[in-house]
C-alpha atoms as a PDB file:
ATOM      1  CA  MET A   1       0.265   0.304   0.270  1.00  0.00           C
ATOM      2  CA  LYS A   2       2.852   2.724   0.197  1.00  0.00           C
ATOM      3  CA  LYS A   3       4.557   2.010  -1.781  1.00  0.00           C
ATOM      4  CA  THR A   4       1.757   3.301  -3.825  1.00  0.00           C
ATOM      5  CA  VAL A   5       0.599   6.032  -2.363  1.00  0.00           C
ATOM      6  CA  LEU A   6       4.672   6.466  -3.070  1.00  0.00           C
ATOM      7  CA  CYS A   7       4.679   5.655  -6.497  1.00  0.00           C
ATOM      8  CA  SER A   8       1.320   8.068  -7.038  1.00  0.00           C
ATOM      9  CA  LEU A   9       2.808  10.602  -5.300  1.00  0.00           C
ATOM     10  CA  SER A  10       5.759  10.300  -7.519  1.00  0.00           C
ATOM     11  CA  ALA A  11       3.430  10.754  -9.671  1.00  0.00           C
ATOM     12  CA  LEU A  12       2.129  13.216  -9.337  1.00  0.00           C
ATOM     13  CA  LEU A  13       5.365  15.654  -8.259  1.00  0.00           C
ATOM     14  CA  SER A  14       6.879  14.516 -11.918  1.00  0.00           C
ATOM     15  CA  ALA A  15       3.279  15.552 -14.082  1.00  0.00           C
ATOM     16  CA  LEU A  16       3.463  18.826 -11.607  1.00  0.00           C
ATOM     17  CA  ALA A  17       6.951  19.778 -12.361  1.00  0.00           C
ATOM     18  CA  ALA A  18       6.814  20.209 -16.457  1.00  0.00           C
ATOM     19  CA  ALA A  19       4.172  23.067 -15.440  1.00  0.00           C
ATOM     20  CA  GLY A  20       3.453  26.072 -15.001  1.00  0.00           C
ATOM     21  CA  GLU A  21       5.518  28.184 -17.576  1.00  0.00           C
ATOM     22  CA  MET A  22       4.060  30.941 -19.389  1.00  0.00           C
ATOM     23  CA  ALA A  23       4.932  32.166 -23.105  1.00  0.00           C
ATOM     24  CA  ASP A  24       5.854  35.534 -23.407  1.00  0.00           C
ATOM     25  CA  LEU A  25       3.780  37.171 -26.728  1.00  0.00           C
ATOM     26  CA  PRO A  26       4.551  40.802 -27.343  1.00  0.00           C
ATOM     27  CA  GLY A  27       1.102  41.095 -28.801  1.00  0.00           C
ATOM     28  CA  GLY A  28      -0.340  42.751 -32.373  1.00  0.00           C
ATOM     29  CA  THR A  29      -2.758  42.430 -34.983  1.00  0.00           C
ATOM     30  CA  TYR A  30      -5.031  39.306 -35.663  1.00  0.00           C
ATOM     31  CA  ARG A  31      -7.761  38.612 -38.189  1.00  0.00           C
ATOM     32  CA  PRO A  32     -10.491  37.587 -36.290  1.00  0.00           C
ATOM     33  CA  LEU A  33     -13.524  34.649 -37.680  1.00  0.00           C
ATOM     34  CA  TYR A  34     -15.127  34.634 -40.335  1.00  0.00           C
ATOM     35  CA  LEU A  35     -14.588  38.716 -41.266  1.00  0.00           C
ATOM     36  CA  ALA A  36     -13.365  39.375 -44.859  1.00  0.00           C
ATOM     37  CA  ALA A  37     -10.207  39.295 -45.713  1.00  0.00           C
ATOM     38  CA  ASP A  38      -9.991  42.961 -46.354  1.00  0.00           C
ATOM     39  CA  ALA A  39     -11.286  44.411 -42.547  1.00  0.00           C
ATOM     40  CA  PRO A  40      -9.947  46.248 -40.615  1.00  0.00           C
ATOM     41  CA  LEU A  41      -7.491  44.004 -37.829  1.00  0.00           C
ATOM     42  CA  ALA A  42      -7.928  43.279 -34.415  1.00  0.00           C
ATOM     43  CA  LYS A  43      -5.523  44.520 -31.807  1.00  0.00           C
ATOM     44  CA  VAL A  44      -4.656  41.755 -28.901  1.00  0.00           C
ATOM     45  CA  GLY A  45      -1.543  43.810 -26.019  1.00  0.00           C
ATOM     46  CA  ALA A  46       1.765  42.209 -25.144  1.00  0.00           C
ATOM     47  CA  PHE A  47       0.645  38.891 -22.541  1.00  0.00           C
ATOM     48  CA  LYS A  48       1.537  35.558 -20.980  1.00  0.00           C
ATOM     49  CA  MET A  49      -0.103  32.018 -21.768  1.00  0.00           C
ATOM     50  CA  ASP A  50       0.988  29.572 -19.882  1.00  0.00           C
ATOM     51  CA  LYS A  51       2.860  26.860 -22.820  1.00  0.00           C
ATOM     52  CA  LEU A  52       0.228  23.417 -21.644  1.00  0.00           C
ATOM     53  CA  PRO A  53      -2.846  22.750 -20.758  1.00  0.00           C
ATOM     54  CA  VAL A  54      -3.869  22.873 -16.621  1.00  0.00           C
ATOM     55  CA  THR A  55      -3.871  18.502 -16.526  1.00  0.00           C
ATOM     56  CA  ASN A  56      -5.658  16.772 -13.817  1.00  0.00           C
ATOM     57  CA  ALA A  57      -2.754  16.927 -11.803  1.00  0.00           C
ATOM     58  CA  GLN A  58      -2.562  20.828 -11.039  1.00  0.00           C
ATOM     59  CA  PHE A  59      -6.899  20.253 -11.677  1.00  0.00           C
ATOM     60  CA  TYR A  60      -6.440  17.594  -8.173  1.00  0.00           C
ATOM     61  CA  GLU A  61      -3.883  20.053  -5.674  1.00  0.00           C
ATOM     62  CA  PHE A  62      -6.339  22.905  -6.819  1.00  0.00           C
ATOM     63  CA  VAL A  63      -9.750  20.781  -5.467  1.00  0.00           C
ATOM     64  CA  LYS A  64      -7.723  19.664  -3.058  1.00  0.00           C
ATOM     65  CA  LYS A  65      -6.818  23.392  -1.566  1.00  0.00           C
ATOM     66  CA  ASN A  66      -9.447  24.810  -2.465  1.00  0.00           C
ATOM     67  CA  PRO A  67     -12.624  21.484  -2.002  1.00  0.00           C
ATOM     68  CA  GLN A  68     -15.380  23.871  -2.995  1.00  0.00           C
ATOM     69  CA  TRP A  69     -14.434  22.791  -5.918  1.00  0.00           C
ATOM     70  CA  GLN A  70     -13.958  19.607  -5.301  1.00  0.00           C
ATOM     71  CA  ARG A  71     -17.190  16.759  -7.552  1.00  0.00           C
ATOM     72  CA  GLY A  72     -19.822  17.294  -6.625  1.00  0.00           C
ATOM     73  CA  LYS A  73     -20.062  19.786  -3.864  1.00  0.00           C
ATOM     74  CA  LEU A  74     -20.913  22.017  -6.673  1.00  0.00           C
ATOM     75  CA  GLY A  75     -24.234  23.831  -7.619  1.00  0.00           C
ATOM     76  CA  SER A  76     -26.149  23.056 -10.264  1.00  0.00           C
ATOM     77  CA  LYS A  77     -25.144  26.557 -12.159  1.00  0.00           C
ATOM     78  CA  GLN A  78     -22.370  25.860 -11.983  1.00  0.00           C
ATOM     79  CA  SER A  79     -22.119  22.928 -13.401  1.00  0.00           C
ATOM     80  CA  ASP A  80     -23.407  20.173 -14.273  1.00  0.00           C
ATOM     81  CA  ARG A  81     -23.459  15.932 -13.961  1.00  0.00           C
ATOM     82  CA  HIS A  82     -20.612  15.243 -16.023  1.00  0.00           C
ATOM     83  CA  TYR A  83     -18.675  17.634 -14.010  1.00  0.00           C
ATOM     84  CA  LEU A  84     -14.695  15.613 -13.579  1.00  0.00           C
ATOM     85  CA  SER A  85     -17.265  12.559 -13.602  1.00  0.00           C
ATOM     86  CA  HIS A  86     -13.891  10.258 -14.208  1.00  0.00           C
ATOM     87  CA  TRP A  87     -12.396  11.589 -11.257  1.00  0.00           C
ATOM     88  CA  PHE A  88     -12.296   8.899  -9.825  1.00  0.00           C
ATOM     89  CA  LYS A  89     -13.879   8.066  -5.614  1.00  0.00           C
ATOM     90  CA  THR A  90     -11.402   8.077  -2.819  1.00  0.00           C
ATOM     91  CA  ALA A  91     -12.113   8.843   0.975  1.00  0.00           C
ATOM     92  CA  ASP A  92     -12.237  12.314   0.893  1.00  0.00           C
ATOM     93  CA  GLY A  93     -13.501  13.012  -2.600  1.00  0.00           C
ATOM     94  CA  TYR A  94     -12.046  11.384  -5.937  1.00  0.00           C
ATOM     95  CA  ALA A  95      -8.336  11.305  -8.204  1.00  0.00           C
ATOM     96  CA  PRO A  96      -7.922  11.893 -11.194  1.00  0.00           C
ATOM     97  CA  GLN A  97      -6.118   8.111 -11.947  1.00  0.00           C
ATOM     98  CA  LYS A  98      -2.823   8.198 -12.004  1.00  0.00           C
ATOM     99  CA  ALA A  99      -2.569   7.367 -15.800  1.00  0.00           C
ATOM    100  CA  ASP A 100      -4.291  10.764 -16.331  1.00  0.00           C
ATOM    101  CA  LEU A 101      -2.704  13.119 -13.866  1.00  0.00           C
ATOM    102  CA  ASN A 102      -0.111  14.464 -17.301  1.00  0.00           C
ATOM    103  CA  LYS A 103      -3.237  14.712 -19.133  1.00  0.00           C
ATOM    104  CA  PRO A 104      -5.474  17.820 -19.268  1.00  0.00           C
ATOM    105  CA  VAL A 105      -7.799  18.009 -17.614  1.00  0.00           C
ATOM    106  CA  VAL A 106     -11.731  17.943 -18.923  1.00  0.00           C
ATOM    107  CA  PHE A 107     -15.122  17.624 -17.675  1.00  0.00           C
ATOM    108  CA  VAL A 108     -14.519  20.706 -16.226  1.00  0.00           C
ATOM    109  CA  SER A 109     -17.194  24.010 -16.596  1.00  0.00           C
ATOM    110  CA  TRP A 110     -15.736  27.402 -17.589  1.00  0.00           C
ATOM    111  CA  PHE A 111     -17.210  28.645 -13.879  1.00  0.00           C
ATOM    112  CA  ALA A 112     -14.318  25.774 -12.727  1.00  0.00           C
ATOM    113  CA  ALA A 113     -11.873  26.716 -14.984  1.00  0.00           C
ATOM    114  CA  ASN A 114     -11.889  30.282 -13.720  1.00  0.00           C
ATOM    115  CA  ALA A 115     -11.580  30.074 -10.483  1.00  0.00           C
ATOM    116  CA  TYR A 116      -8.691  27.724 -10.867  1.00  0.00           C
ATOM    117  CA  CYS A 117      -7.093  30.478 -13.295  1.00  0.00           C
ATOM    118  CA  THR A 118      -7.272  33.325 -10.671  1.00  0.00           C
ATOM    119  CA  ALA A 119      -6.351  31.329  -7.923  1.00  0.00           C
ATOM    120  CA  GLN A 120      -3.387  31.136  -9.638  1.00  0.00           C
ATOM    121  CA  GLY A 121      -3.144  34.863 -10.129  1.00  0.00           C
ATOM    122  CA  LYS A 122      -4.293  34.310 -13.760  1.00  0.00           C
ATOM    123  CA  HIS A 123      -7.070  34.922 -15.678  1.00  0.00           C
ATOM    124  CA  LEU A 124      -8.523  32.183 -18.234  1.00  0.00           C
ATOM    125  CA  PRO A 125      -6.746  33.719 -22.258  1.00  0.00           C
ATOM    126  CA  THR A 126      -9.931  36.240 -23.928  1.00  0.00           C
ATOM    127  CA  ILE A 127     -10.629  34.764 -27.964  1.00  0.00           C
ATOM    128  CA  ASN A 128      -8.358  37.773 -29.132  1.00  0.00           C
ATOM    129  CA  GLN A 129      -5.776  36.292 -26.802  1.00  0.00           C
ATOM    130  CA  TRP A 130      -5.980  32.222 -27.477  1.00  0.00           C
ATOM    131  CA  GLU A 131      -6.825  32.863 -31.629  1.00  0.00           C
ATOM    132  CA  PHE A 132      -3.258  35.240 -31.369  1.00  0.00           C
ATOM    133  CA  ALA A 133      -1.833  32.696 -29.927  1.00  0.00           C
ATOM    134  CA  GLY A 134      -3.192  29.607 -32.226  1.00  0.00           C
ATOM    135  CA  GLN A 135      -2.801  31.058 -35.482  1.00  0.00           C
ATOM    136  CA  ALA A 136       1.691  30.611 -34.520  1.00  0.00           C
ATOM    137  CA  SER A 137       2.267  27.742 -36.248  1.00  0.00           C
ATOM    138  CA  GLU A 138       5.887  25.868 -35.682  1.00  0.00           C
ATOM    139  CA  LEU A 139       7.568  28.494 -37.615  1.00  0.00           C
ATOM    140  CA  LYS A 140       6.006  31.789 -38.442  1.00  0.00           C
ATOM    141  CA  PRO A 141       4.119  34.170 -36.779  1.00  0.00           C
ATOM    142  CA  ASN A 142       0.500  33.528 -38.885  1.00  0.00           C
ATOM    143  CA  GLY A 143       1.081  30.087 -40.040  1.00  0.00           C
ATOM    144  CA  ALA A 144      -2.266  29.892 -41.431  1.00  0.00           C
ATOM    145  CA  ASN A 145      -0.334  30.263 -44.915  1.00  0.00           C
ATOM    146  CA  GLU A 146       1.029  26.889 -44.197  1.00  0.00           C
ATOM    147  CA  LYS A 147      -0.370  24.030 -46.053  1.00  0.00           C
ATOM    148  CA  ALA A 148       1.227  21.497 -43.527  1.00  0.00           C
ATOM    149  CA  TYR A 149       0.011  23.211 -40.635  1.00  0.00           C
ATOM    150  CA  ARG A 150      -3.277  24.071 -41.669  1.00  0.00           C
ATOM    151  CA  ASP A 151      -3.336  20.091 -42.483  1.00  0.00           C
ATOM    152  CA  THR A 152      -2.749  19.275 -39.282  1.00  0.00           C
ATOM    153  CA  ILE A 153      -6.387  21.601 -37.959  1.00  0.00           C
ATOM    154  CA  LEU A 154      -7.801  20.004 -40.200  1.00  0.00           C
ATOM    155  CA  ASN A 155      -7.357  15.917 -39.403  1.00  0.00           C
ATOM    156  CA  TRP A 156      -7.797  16.580 -36.412  1.00  0.00           C
ATOM    157  CA  TYR A 157     -10.799  17.464 -36.690  1.00  0.00           C
ATOM    158  CA  ALA A 158     -11.297  14.182 -39.682  1.00  0.00           C
ATOM    159  CA  GLN A 159      -9.728  11.670 -36.768  1.00  0.00           C
ATOM    160  CA  GLY A 160     -12.128  13.313 -33.636  1.00  0.00           C
ATOM    161  CA  SER A 161     -11.372  11.606 -30.434  1.00  0.00           C
ATOM    162  CA  ARG A 162     -11.160   8.084 -31.073  1.00  0.00           C
ATOM    163  CA  ASN A 163      -7.515   7.791 -29.968  1.00  0.00           C
ATOM    164  CA  GLY A 164      -8.328   9.163 -27.161  1.00  0.00           C
ATOM    165  CA  LEU A 165      -6.309  12.193 -25.024  1.00  0.00           C
ATOM    166  CA  ARG A 166      -2.544  12.636 -25.169  1.00  0.00           C
ATOM    167  CA  GLU A 167      -0.663  14.104 -22.198  1.00  0.00           C
ATOM    168  CA  VAL A 168       0.220  17.187 -22.447  1.00  0.00           C
ATOM    169  CA  GLY A 169       3.284  18.530 -24.368  1.00  0.00           C
ATOM    170  CA  ARG A 170       4.118  15.872 -26.505  1.00  0.00           C
ATOM    171  CA  LEU A 171       3.224  17.955 -29.860  1.00  0.00           C
ATOM    172  CA  LYS A 172       5.789  19.901 -30.975  1.00  0.00           C
ATOM    173  CA  PRO A 173       5.515  23.866 -29.870  1.00  0.00           C
ATOM    174  CA  ASN A 174       4.777  26.794 -31.598  1.00  0.00           C
ATOM    175  CA  TYR A 175       6.937  29.267 -32.925  1.00  0.00           C
ATOM    176  CA  TRP A 176       5.945  31.189 -29.312  1.00  0.00           C
ATOM    177  CA  GLY A 177       7.052  27.376 -27.975  1.00  0.00           C
ATOM    178  CA  ILE A 178       3.250  26.544 -26.753  1.00  0.00           C
ATOM    179  CA  HIS A 179       2.081  23.835 -26.743  1.00  0.00           C
ATOM    180  CA  ASP A 180      -1.445  21.762 -27.805  1.00  0.00           C
ATOM    181  CA  MET A 181      -3.027  24.350 -29.236  1.00  0.00           C
ATOM    182  CA  HIS A 182      -3.961  22.818 -31.634  1.00  0.00           C
ATOM    183  CA  GLY A 183      -4.770  18.728 -31.616  1.00  0.00           C
ATOM    184  CA  LEU A 184      -5.844  18.004 -28.281  1.00  0.00           C
ATOM    185  CA  ILE A 185      -8.267  19.535 -26.519  1.00  0.00           C
ATOM    186  CA  TRP A 186     -10.465  22.701 -27.040  1.00  0.00           C
ATOM    187  CA  GLU A 187     -10.683  25.497 -24.714  1.00  0.00           C
ATOM    188  CA  TRP A 188     -11.819  27.304 -21.997  1.00  0.00           C
ATOM    189  CA  THR A 189     -11.876  31.223 -23.313  1.00  0.00           C
ATOM    190  CA  GLU A 190     -12.609  34.478 -20.416  1.00  0.00           C
ATOM    191  CA  ASP A 191     -15.328  36.730 -22.654  1.00  0.00           C
ATOM    192  CA  PHE A 192     -18.311  35.691 -21.277  1.00  0.00           C
ATOM    193  CA  ASN A 193     -21.109  39.265 -20.350  1.00  0.00           C
ATOM    194  CA  SER A 194     -20.961  39.360 -17.184  1.00  0.00           C
ATOM    195  CA  SER A 195     -25.375  40.180 -16.729  1.00  0.00           C
ATOM    196  CA  LEU A 196     -25.548  37.574 -18.928  1.00  0.00           C
ATOM    197  CA  LEU A 197     -24.051  34.925 -16.922  1.00  0.00           C
ATOM    198  CA  ASN A 198     -24.748  36.622 -13.516  1.00  0.00           C
ATOM    199  CA  ALA A 199     -27.573  35.124 -14.998  1.00  0.00           C
ATOM    200  CA  GLY A 200     -27.216  31.159 -15.211  1.00  0.00           C
ATOM    201  CA  GLY A 201     -27.287  32.620 -19.104  1.00  0.00           C
ATOM    202  CA  VAL A 202     -25.070  32.749 -21.997  1.00  0.00           C
ATOM    203  CA  ASP A 203     -23.478  35.765 -23.940  1.00  0.00           C
ATOM    204  CA  ALA A 204     -23.877  34.867 -27.637  1.00  0.00           C
ATOM    205  CA  SER A 205     -21.216  35.728 -28.547  1.00  0.00           C
ATOM    206  CA  MET A 206     -17.954  33.001 -29.058  1.00  0.00           C
ATOM    207  CA  PHE A 207     -16.830  32.356 -25.990  1.00  0.00           C
ATOM    208  CA  CYS A 208     -14.470  28.798 -26.155  1.00  0.00           C
ATOM    209  CA  SER A 209     -11.173  28.390 -28.274  1.00  0.00           C
ATOM    210  CA  GLY A 210     -10.787  25.020 -30.870  1.00  0.00           C
ATOM    211  CA  ALA A 211      -8.685  24.833 -32.855  1.00  0.00           C
ATOM    212  CA  ALA A 212      -8.544  26.486 -36.799  1.00  0.00           C
ATOM    213  CA  ALA A 213      -7.162  28.428 -38.524  1.00  0.00           C
ATOM    214  CA  GLY A 214      -9.317  31.399 -39.884  1.00  0.00           C
ATOM    215  CA  ALA A 215     -12.360  31.251 -42.067  1.00  0.00           C
ATOM    216  CA  THR A 216     -11.531  33.957 -43.653  1.00  0.00           C
ATOM    217  CA  ASP A 217     -11.614  31.121 -46.662  1.00  0.00           C
ATOM    218  CA  PRO A 218     -14.805  28.917 -46.468  1.00  0.00           C
ATOM    219  CA  SER A 219     -13.912  26.086 -47.494  1.00  0.00           C
ATOM    220  CA  ASN A 220     -11.803  25.491 -44.047  1.00  0.00           C
ATOM    221  CA  TYR A 221     -15.276  24.133 -42.545  1.00  0.00           C
ATOM    222  CA  ALA A 222     -12.950  23.760 -39.325  1.00  0.00           C
ATOM    223  CA  ALA A 223     -12.616  27.190 -38.365  1.00  0.00           C
ATOM    224  CA  PHE A 224     -16.988  26.729 -38.885  1.00  0.00           C
ATOM    225  CA  LEU A 225     -17.135  24.278 -36.931  1.00  0.00           C
ATOM    226  CA  ARG A 226     -15.767  25.156 -34.071  1.00  0.00           C
ATOM    227  CA  TYR A 227     -18.016  28.116 -33.561  1.00  0.00           C
ATOM    228  CA  GLY A 228     -20.896  25.876 -33.913  1.00  0.00           C
ATOM    229  CA  PHE A 229     -19.232  24.596 -31.017  1.00  0.00           C
ATOM    230  CA  ARG A 230     -18.750  28.252 -28.995  1.00  0.00           C
ATOM    231  CA  THR A 231     -22.859  28.869 -29.824  1.00  0.00           C
ATOM    232  CA  SER A 232     -23.836  24.984 -28.045  1.00  0.00           C
ATOM    233  CA  LEU A 233     -22.727  25.496 -24.831  1.00  0.00           C
ATOM    234  CA  GLN A 234     -23.763  27.204 -22.109  1.00  0.00           C
ATOM    235  CA  SER A 235     -21.152  28.379 -19.300  1.00  0.00           C
ATOM    236  CA  LYS A 236     -22.184  24.642 -16.419  1.00  0.00           C
ATOM    237  CA  PHE A 237     -21.030  22.492 -18.812  1.00  0.00           C
ATOM    238  CA  SER A 238     -18.264  19.522 -18.884  1.00  0.00           C
ATOM    239  CA  VAL A 239     -17.012  18.254 -21.986  1.00  0.00           C
ATOM    240  CA  HIS A 240     -15.073  15.182 -21.911  1.00  0.00           C
ATOM    241  CA  ASN A 241     -13.008  17.113 -24.867  1.00  0.00           C
ATOM    242  CA  LEU A 242     -12.825  20.715 -23.105  1.00  0.00           C
ATOM    243  CA  GLY A 243     -10.202  21.045 -20.597  1.00  0.00           C
ATOM    244  CA  PHE A 244      -8.215  24.936 -20.612  1.00  0.00           C
ATOM    245  CA  ARG A 245      -4.820  26.620 -20.414  1.00  0.00           C
ATOM    246  CA  CYS A 246      -4.515  30.852 -18.305  1.00  0.00           C
ATOM    247  CA  ALA A 247      -3.292  34.043 -20.045  1.00  0.00           C
ATOM    248  CA  GLN A 248      -1.295  36.524 -17.559  1.00  0.00           C
END
């Protein structure tokens, strides 16, 4: 029993060791989804973003320090019945499987993701920040016109999640040193209308990012699929392939 506990602790510490690093992005401009090729560019100020999505190990540490975010403790306005449904029952509540410690945490609502980032002195990235970071390929700040970059994104959509979640950081980082912006999970973003949030509703604007190049090209079905996914979500939803990372 002690050996099992020590092994689990070792795996947890190993998973946490690689987490929490942030990339510095200088900011700049990008063209939002669905705008014409000659539409004005959106401006993004300098910011930092987590190099990796938040893992089960990280979220588990957060839950231990903030037990009000444990499975079964949230109200119906802050989560649905799927919240952390992939964690197993323990004497003290629920915990991730050892094999999942370094995989991205999923089945988390927007409220839980927002609370986690706030506890780290950070925030969920805005749509503009996520899109600006996500448009980078391995070689350029904007890889939207690179065939290999676009093919990688389209292939991920075509394959779906049939292979299951992988550990974070297995794919090559993009130009900014950020991993897994495409090809692993969808990710929550910050942008909600606060009045609708307080009323338990959602803003009709985009608030969840995923993996796609810009949709100025009508043939780019990946971008349209992402928009459809965003608009179908509510802040309390917990989805099997929806996680998050933080910004600053």
